Amino acid sequence: MSTLVTAPATNVIPMRSRSGSPVAAGHLADADLDRWANRLARLLLTRGADAGDRIALAVDPRIESIVAEAAIRKIGAIPVSVIEGSSTALGAGFGITTKARRGELADVTDWLVLDDRSTLQRYLVTSDAPLMATELRAVS
């Protein structure tokens, strides 16, 4: 039985499901979540994120935060939330955010801005295939 994530979303990256039909606004099926998370996990790996790293999450749209957390877990890293009013997450060298939140966040973290044009371009050309063991680095 498949689950379906539902949430109002204003900046979901428009993608089609494997069947070719558009994903309904605010909905994300399991297979789509997996594909989106694979793409984002690869972006994190290319930035140098590793298994065991703490990766900050400062993402407000619910679907994007679910995808980001899934991507972080796929590479064996640990998602940590940026607490409201804070500018960083303790011990996080990497982070995922959006343009709307980036201005309030400290520069000590290497932030991947999901809705930045260059991020979107890299994301859309990155493979959504399952991650291979050779792509993942072992925890030191």
N, C-alpha and C. Protein backbone atom coordinates (compact mmCIF):
# COMPACT_ATOMS: atom_id res chain seq x y z
N MET A 1 0.85 -1.18 0.00
CA MET A 1 0.00 0.00 0.00
C MET A 1 0.89 1.24 0.00
N SER A 2 0.63 2.14 -0.88
CA SER A 2 1.42 3.36 -1.01
C SER A 2 0.84 4.44 -0.11
N THR A 3 1.75 5.24 0.44
CA THR A 3 1.30 6.40 1.22
C THR A 3 1.40 7.62 0.34
N LEU A 4 0.73 8.65 0.72
CA LEU A 4 0.76 9.88 -0.06
C LEU A 4 0.97 11.04 0.89
N VAL A 5 1.99 11.83 0.65
CA VAL A 5 2.27 13.01 1.47
C VAL A 5 1.45 14.15 0.90
N THR A 6 0.70 14.82 1.74
CA THR A 6 -0.07 15.97 1.26
C THR A 6 0.26 17.18 2.10
N ALA A 7 0.40 18.29 1.45
CA ALA A 7 0.67 19.56 2.15
C ALA A 7 0.54 20.67 1.13
N PRO A 8 0.11 21.84 1.59
CA PRO A 8 0.10 22.97 0.66
C PRO A 8 1.54 23.34 0.33
N ALA A 9 1.85 23.46 -0.93
CA ALA A 9 3.21 23.80 -1.33
C ALA A 9 3.16 24.88 -2.40
N THR A 10 4.07 25.83 -2.28
CA THR A 10 4.08 26.93 -3.23
C THR A 10 5.25 26.88 -4.20
N ASN A 11 6.29 26.11 -3.85
CA ASN A 11 7.46 26.10 -4.72
C ASN A 11 7.98 24.69 -4.99
N VAL A 12 7.10 23.75 -5.19
CA VAL A 12 7.49 22.39 -5.50
C VAL A 12 8.08 22.37 -6.91
N ILE A 13 9.19 21.67 -7.08
CA ILE A 13 9.79 21.53 -8.39
C ILE A 13 8.84 20.72 -9.25
N PRO A 14 8.36 21.25 -10.38
CA PRO A 14 7.38 20.51 -11.18
C PRO A 14 8.02 19.31 -11.88
N MET A 15 7.54 18.14 -11.54
CA MET A 15 8.04 16.91 -12.16
C MET A 15 6.85 16.04 -12.51
N ARG A 16 7.08 15.10 -13.38
CA ARG A 16 6.03 14.15 -13.75
C ARG A 16 6.30 12.82 -13.06
N SER A 17 5.24 12.09 -12.76
CA SER A 17 5.39 10.77 -12.17
C SER A 17 5.88 9.83 -13.26
N ARG A 18 6.31 8.63 -12.88
CA ARG A 18 6.82 7.66 -13.84
C ARG A 18 5.79 7.37 -14.94
N SER A 19 4.49 7.45 -14.60
CA SER A 19 3.46 7.17 -15.59
C SER A 19 3.33 8.31 -16.61
N GLY A 20 3.96 9.45 -16.33
CA GLY A 20 3.89 10.58 -17.24
C GLY A 20 2.82 11.58 -16.86
N SER A 21 1.95 11.21 -15.94
CA SER A 21 0.93 12.15 -15.52
C SER A 21 1.51 13.11 -14.50
N PRO A 22 1.04 14.36 -14.49
CA PRO A 22 1.60 15.32 -13.54
C PRO A 22 1.26 14.94 -12.11
N VAL A 23 2.16 15.29 -11.18
CA VAL A 23 1.90 15.09 -9.77
C VAL A 23 0.93 16.18 -9.33
N ALA A 24 -0.14 15.81 -8.65
CA ALA A 24 -1.13 16.79 -8.20
C ALA A 24 -0.47 17.76 -7.24
N ALA A 25 -0.86 19.01 -7.31
CA ALA A 25 -0.29 20.05 -6.45
C ALA A 25 -0.42 19.65 -4.99
N GLY A 26 0.69 19.70 -4.26
CA GLY A 26 0.67 19.39 -2.84
C GLY A 26 0.69 17.92 -2.52
N HIS A 27 0.89 17.03 -3.50
CA HIS A 27 0.91 15.60 -3.28
C HIS A 27 2.22 15.01 -3.79
N LEU A 28 2.72 14.01 -3.10
CA LEU A 28 3.95 13.35 -3.49
C LEU A 28 3.83 11.87 -3.16
N ALA A 29 3.81 11.03 -4.18
CA ALA A 29 3.72 9.59 -3.98
C ALA A 29 5.07 9.04 -3.55
N ASP A 30 5.09 7.84 -2.97
CA ASP A 30 6.33 7.22 -2.49
C ASP A 30 7.41 7.16 -3.56
N ALA A 31 7.06 6.73 -4.76
CA ALA A 31 8.06 6.59 -5.82
C ALA A 31 8.65 7.95 -6.18
N ASP A 32 7.82 8.98 -6.19
CA ASP A 32 8.31 10.32 -6.49
C ASP A 32 9.19 10.85 -5.37
N LEU A 33 8.80 10.61 -4.13
CA LEU A 33 9.62 11.01 -2.99
C LEU A 33 10.99 10.36 -3.10
N ASP A 34 11.03 9.09 -3.44
CA ASP A 34 12.29 8.38 -3.56
C ASP A 34 13.16 8.98 -4.67
N ARG A 35 12.57 9.25 -5.82
CA ARG A 35 13.31 9.83 -6.94
C ARG A 35 13.84 11.22 -6.60
N TRP A 36 13.00 12.06 -6.00
CA TRP A 36 13.41 13.42 -5.63
C TRP A 36 14.54 13.37 -4.61
N ALA A 37 14.40 12.47 -3.63
CA ALA A 37 15.42 12.35 -2.58
C ALA A 37 16.74 11.83 -3.17
N ASN A 38 16.69 10.93 -4.13
CA ASN A 38 17.92 10.45 -4.77
C ASN A 38 18.67 11.60 -5.43
N ARG A 39 17.94 12.45 -6.14
CA ARG A 39 18.57 13.61 -6.80
C ARG A 39 19.23 14.53 -5.77
N LEU A 40 18.48 14.85 -4.72
CA LEU A 40 19.01 15.76 -3.71
C LEU A 40 20.18 15.13 -2.96
N ALA A 41 20.11 13.84 -2.70
CA ALA A 41 21.21 13.15 -2.03
C ALA A 41 22.49 13.26 -2.86
N ARG A 42 22.36 13.12 -4.17
CA ARG A 42 23.53 13.26 -5.04
C ARG A 42 24.10 14.68 -4.99
N LEU A 43 23.25 15.69 -4.92
CA LEU A 43 23.75 17.06 -4.80
C LEU A 43 24.52 17.23 -3.49
N LEU A 44 24.01 16.67 -2.41
CA LEU A 44 24.70 16.76 -1.13
C LEU A 44 26.06 16.07 -1.20
N LEU A 45 26.10 14.90 -1.83
CA LEU A 45 27.37 14.17 -1.95
C LEU A 45 28.39 14.97 -2.76
N THR A 46 27.94 15.63 -3.83
CA THR A 46 28.88 16.42 -4.64
C THR A 46 29.40 17.63 -3.88
N ARG A 47 28.67 18.09 -2.88
CA ARG A 47 29.13 19.21 -2.05
C ARG A 47 30.08 18.75 -0.95
N GLY A 48 30.23 17.42 -0.81
CA GLY A 48 31.15 16.90 0.20
C GLY A 48 30.48 16.36 1.45
N ALA A 49 29.16 16.33 1.48
CA ALA A 49 28.47 15.76 2.64
C ALA A 49 28.79 14.28 2.73
N ASP A 50 28.83 13.77 3.94
CA ASP A 50 29.25 12.39 4.19
C ASP A 50 28.31 11.72 5.19
N ALA A 51 28.36 10.41 5.21
CA ALA A 51 27.63 9.66 6.22
C ALA A 51 28.11 10.12 7.60
N GLY A 52 27.20 10.28 8.51
CA GLY A 52 27.53 10.72 9.87
C GLY A 52 27.54 12.23 10.06
N ASP A 53 27.55 12.99 8.95
CA ASP A 53 27.51 14.46 9.06
C ASP A 53 26.15 14.91 9.60
N ARG A 54 26.18 16.01 10.33
CA ARG A 54 24.94 16.66 10.75
C ARG A 54 24.61 17.69 9.68
N ILE A 55 23.40 17.59 9.10
CA ILE A 55 22.99 18.51 8.05
C ILE A 55 21.76 19.28 8.52
N ALA A 56 21.91 20.60 8.56
CA ALA A 56 20.85 21.47 9.06
C ALA A 56 19.71 21.57 8.04
N LEU A 57 18.50 21.65 8.55
CA LEU A 57 17.31 21.83 7.72
C LEU A 57 16.63 23.14 8.12
N ALA A 58 16.54 24.05 7.17
CA ALA A 58 15.81 25.30 7.36
C ALA A 58 14.91 25.45 6.13
N VAL A 59 13.93 24.56 6.04
CA VAL A 59 13.06 24.48 4.88
C VAL A 59 11.61 24.52 5.36
N ASP A 60 10.88 25.55 4.92
CA ASP A 60 9.51 25.70 5.38
C ASP A 60 8.47 24.88 4.61
N PRO A 61 8.49 24.87 3.28
CA PRO A 61 7.45 24.09 2.61
C PRO A 61 7.56 22.62 3.03
N ARG A 62 6.46 22.04 3.45
CA ARG A 62 6.49 20.70 4.03
C ARG A 62 7.02 19.64 3.08
N ILE A 63 6.60 19.64 1.83
CA ILE A 63 7.06 18.60 0.91
C ILE A 63 8.57 18.69 0.72
N GLU A 64 9.09 19.89 0.54
CA GLU A 64 10.52 20.05 0.36
C GLU A 64 11.28 19.59 1.60
N SER A 65 10.75 19.85 2.78
CA SER A 65 11.45 19.41 4.00
C SER A 65 11.43 17.89 4.12
N ILE A 66 10.36 17.25 3.69
CA ILE A 66 10.28 15.79 3.72
C ILE A 66 11.29 15.19 2.73
N VAL A 67 11.38 15.76 1.54
CA VAL A 67 12.35 15.29 0.54
C VAL A 67 13.77 15.50 1.06
N ALA A 68 14.04 16.67 1.64
CA ALA A 68 15.38 16.97 2.15
C ALA A 68 15.78 16.00 3.26
N GLU A 69 14.86 15.73 4.17
CA GLU A 69 15.18 14.79 5.26
C GLU A 69 15.43 13.39 4.69
N ALA A 70 14.64 12.96 3.73
CA ALA A 70 14.84 11.65 3.11
C ALA A 70 16.21 11.58 2.42
N ALA A 71 16.59 12.65 1.73
CA ALA A 71 17.89 12.69 1.04
C ALA A 71 19.04 12.60 2.04
N ILE A 72 18.92 13.31 3.14
CA ILE A 72 19.95 13.29 4.17
C ILE A 72 20.10 11.89 4.74
N ARG A 73 18.99 11.24 5.02
CA ARG A 73 19.04 9.88 5.57
C ARG A 73 19.60 8.88 4.55
N LYS A 74 19.33 9.10 3.27
CA LYS A 74 19.85 8.20 2.22
C LYS A 74 21.38 8.14 2.21
N ILE A 75 22.03 9.24 2.52
CA ILE A 75 23.50 9.24 2.52
C ILE A 75 24.07 8.88 3.89
N GLY A 76 23.19 8.57 4.83
CA GLY A 76 23.66 8.17 6.16
C GLY A 76 24.00 9.34 7.06
N ALA A 77 23.56 10.53 6.69
CA ALA A 77 23.81 11.72 7.50
C ALA A 77 22.65 11.91 8.49
N ILE A 78 22.78 12.91 9.34
CA ILE A 78 21.81 13.15 10.41
C ILE A 78 21.13 14.50 10.19
N PRO A 79 19.81 14.51 9.94
CA PRO A 79 19.11 15.79 9.77
C PRO A 79 18.91 16.47 11.13
N VAL A 80 19.21 17.76 11.18
CA VAL A 80 18.98 18.55 12.40
C VAL A 80 18.25 19.82 12.01
N SER A 81 17.26 20.18 12.77
CA SER A 81 16.45 21.36 12.48
C SER A 81 17.12 22.62 12.98
N VAL A 82 16.93 23.69 12.23
CA VAL A 82 17.32 25.01 12.69
C VAL A 82 16.12 25.54 13.46
N ILE A 83 16.31 25.78 14.73
CA ILE A 83 15.22 26.22 15.61
C ILE A 83 14.82 27.64 15.23
N GLU A 84 13.52 27.89 15.24
CA GLU A 84 12.98 29.22 14.93
C GLU A 84 13.72 30.28 15.75
N GLY A 85 14.21 31.31 15.08
CA GLY A 85 14.93 32.39 15.75
C GLY A 85 16.43 32.15 15.81
N SER A 86 16.88 30.94 15.46
CA SER A 86 18.30 30.64 15.45
C SER A 86 18.84 30.82 14.04
N SER A 87 20.16 30.97 13.91
CA SER A 87 20.74 31.17 12.58
C SER A 87 21.51 29.95 12.09
N THR A 88 21.60 28.90 12.90
CA THR A 88 22.32 27.70 12.52
C THR A 88 21.87 26.53 13.39
N ALA A 89 22.38 25.35 13.08
CA ALA A 89 22.11 24.16 13.90
C ALA A 89 23.46 23.68 14.43
N LEU A 90 23.52 23.37 15.68
CA LEU A 90 24.76 22.99 16.35
C LEU A 90 25.45 21.83 15.64
N GLY A 91 26.70 22.05 15.26
CA GLY A 91 27.51 20.99 14.68
C GLY A 91 27.24 20.67 13.22
N ALA A 92 26.42 21.47 12.55
CA ALA A 92 26.09 21.20 11.14
C ALA A 92 27.02 21.99 10.23
N GLY A 93 27.78 21.28 9.42
CA GLY A 93 28.66 21.93 8.46
C GLY A 93 27.95 22.21 7.14
N PHE A 94 26.89 21.45 6.88
CA PHE A 94 26.09 21.60 5.67
C PHE A 94 24.66 21.89 6.08
N GLY A 95 23.91 22.49 5.16
CA GLY A 95 22.50 22.76 5.43
C GLY A 95 21.71 22.88 4.15
N ILE A 96 20.41 22.72 4.28
CA ILE A 96 19.49 22.86 3.16
C ILE A 96 18.46 23.90 3.55
N THR A 97 18.22 24.86 2.65
CA THR A 97 17.28 25.93 2.93
C THR A 97 16.64 26.41 1.63
N THR A 98 15.90 27.51 1.74
CA THR A 98 15.29 28.18 0.59
C THR A 98 15.70 29.65 0.61
N LYS A 99 15.48 30.34 -0.50
CA LYS A 99 15.81 31.77 -0.58
C LYS A 99 15.14 32.56 0.54
N ALA A 100 13.91 32.22 0.84
CA ALA A 100 13.16 32.96 1.86
C ALA A 100 13.82 32.89 3.23
N ARG A 101 14.50 31.79 3.54
CA ARG A 101 15.13 31.62 4.85
C ARG A 101 16.61 31.96 4.87
N ARG A 102 17.27 31.98 3.71
CA ARG A 102 18.72 32.09 3.66
C ARG A 102 19.25 33.34 4.36
N GLY A 103 18.58 34.46 4.22
CA GLY A 103 19.05 35.71 4.82
C GLY A 103 19.16 35.69 6.33
N GLU A 104 18.40 34.84 6.99
CA GLU A 104 18.43 34.77 8.45
C GLU A 104 19.42 33.73 8.98
N LEU A 105 20.14 33.05 8.09
CA LEU A 105 21.01 31.94 8.49
C LEU A 105 22.48 32.34 8.45
N ALA A 106 23.24 31.78 9.39
CA ALA A 106 24.67 32.10 9.51
C ALA A 106 25.47 31.49 8.36
N ASP A 107 26.55 32.17 7.99
CA ASP A 107 27.40 31.72 6.90
C ASP A 107 28.38 30.62 7.32
N VAL A 108 28.39 30.23 8.60
CA VAL A 108 29.30 29.17 9.05
C VAL A 108 28.89 27.81 8.48
N THR A 109 27.67 27.72 7.99
CA THR A 109 27.15 26.50 7.39
C THR A 109 27.18 26.63 5.88
N ASP A 110 27.53 25.56 5.17
CA ASP A 110 27.50 25.53 3.71
C ASP A 110 26.07 25.22 3.29
N TRP A 111 25.31 26.26 2.92
CA TRP A 111 23.88 26.12 2.63
C TRP A 111 23.62 25.78 1.17
N LEU A 112 22.83 24.76 0.94
CA LEU A 112 22.31 24.43 -0.39
C LEU A 112 20.93 25.06 -0.45
N VAL A 113 20.75 26.03 -1.34
CA VAL A 113 19.49 26.77 -1.44
C VAL A 113 18.64 26.10 -2.52
N LEU A 114 17.59 25.41 -2.09
CA LEU A 114 16.78 24.59 -2.99
C LEU A 114 16.20 25.34 -4.17
N ASP A 115 15.71 26.55 -3.95
CA ASP A 115 15.05 27.27 -5.04
C ASP A 115 15.97 28.27 -5.76
N ASP A 116 17.27 28.12 -5.55
CA ASP A 116 18.24 28.91 -6.30
C ASP A 116 18.32 28.34 -7.72
N ARG A 117 18.43 29.21 -8.70
CA ARG A 117 18.44 28.78 -10.10
C ARG A 117 19.52 27.74 -10.39
N SER A 118 20.74 27.96 -9.91
CA SER A 118 21.82 27.02 -10.20
C SER A 118 21.57 25.67 -9.53
N THR A 119 20.99 25.68 -8.33
CA THR A 119 20.65 24.42 -7.66
C THR A 119 19.59 23.68 -8.46
N LEU A 120 18.56 24.39 -8.89
CA LEU A 120 17.49 23.76 -9.67
C LEU A 120 18.04 23.16 -10.97
N GLN A 121 18.94 23.88 -11.63
CA GLN A 121 19.52 23.37 -12.88
C GLN A 121 20.30 22.08 -12.63
N ARG A 122 21.12 22.06 -11.58
CA ARG A 122 21.88 20.84 -11.26
C ARG A 122 20.94 19.72 -10.84
N TYR A 123 19.93 20.06 -10.07
CA TYR A 123 18.97 19.06 -9.57
C TYR A 123 18.26 18.37 -10.73
N LEU A 124 17.82 19.15 -11.70
CA LEU A 124 17.04 18.60 -12.80
C LEU A 124 17.84 17.72 -13.75
N VAL A 125 19.16 17.86 -13.78
CA VAL A 125 19.97 17.00 -14.64
C VAL A 125 20.66 15.87 -13.88
N THR A 126 20.43 15.81 -12.58
CA THR A 126 21.02 14.76 -11.75
C THR A 126 20.15 13.50 -11.84
N SER A 127 20.78 12.36 -11.83
CA SER A 127 20.06 11.09 -11.92
C SER A 127 19.15 10.88 -10.71
N ASP A 128 17.97 10.30 -10.98
CA ASP A 128 17.05 9.95 -9.89
C ASP A 128 17.09 8.46 -9.60
N ALA A 129 18.05 7.74 -10.20
CA ALA A 129 18.20 6.30 -9.96
C ALA A 129 18.61 6.05 -8.52
N PRO A 130 18.33 4.87 -8.00
CA PRO A 130 18.75 4.56 -6.63
C PRO A 130 20.25 4.78 -6.46
N LEU A 131 20.64 5.24 -5.28
CA LEU A 131 22.06 5.46 -5.00
C LEU A 131 22.80 4.14 -4.96
N MET A 132 23.98 4.15 -5.52
CA MET A 132 24.83 2.96 -5.53
C MET A 132 25.79 3.03 -4.34
N ALA A 133 26.21 1.88 -3.87
CA ALA A 133 27.14 1.81 -2.73
C ALA A 133 28.42 2.57 -3.05
N THR A 134 28.82 2.58 -4.31
CA THR A 134 30.06 3.27 -4.69
C THR A 134 29.95 4.78 -4.57
N GLU A 135 28.69 5.30 -4.55
CA GLU A 135 28.48 6.75 -4.42
C GLU A 135 28.58 7.19 -2.96
N LEU A 136 28.34 6.27 -2.07
CA LEU A 136 28.32 6.59 -0.64
C LEU A 136 29.68 6.36 -0.03
N ARG A 137 30.09 7.27 0.83
CA ARG A 137 31.36 7.13 1.51
C ARG A 137 31.10 6.51 2.88
N ALA A 138 32.06 5.74 3.34
CA ALA A 138 31.93 5.12 4.65
C ALA A 138 32.17 6.15 5.75
N VAL A 139 31.53 5.97 6.87
CA VAL A 139 31.75 6.84 8.02
C VAL A 139 33.17 6.63 8.52
N SER A 140 33.90 7.72 8.71
CA SER A 140 35.30 7.62 9.15
C SER A 140 35.36 7.23 10.60
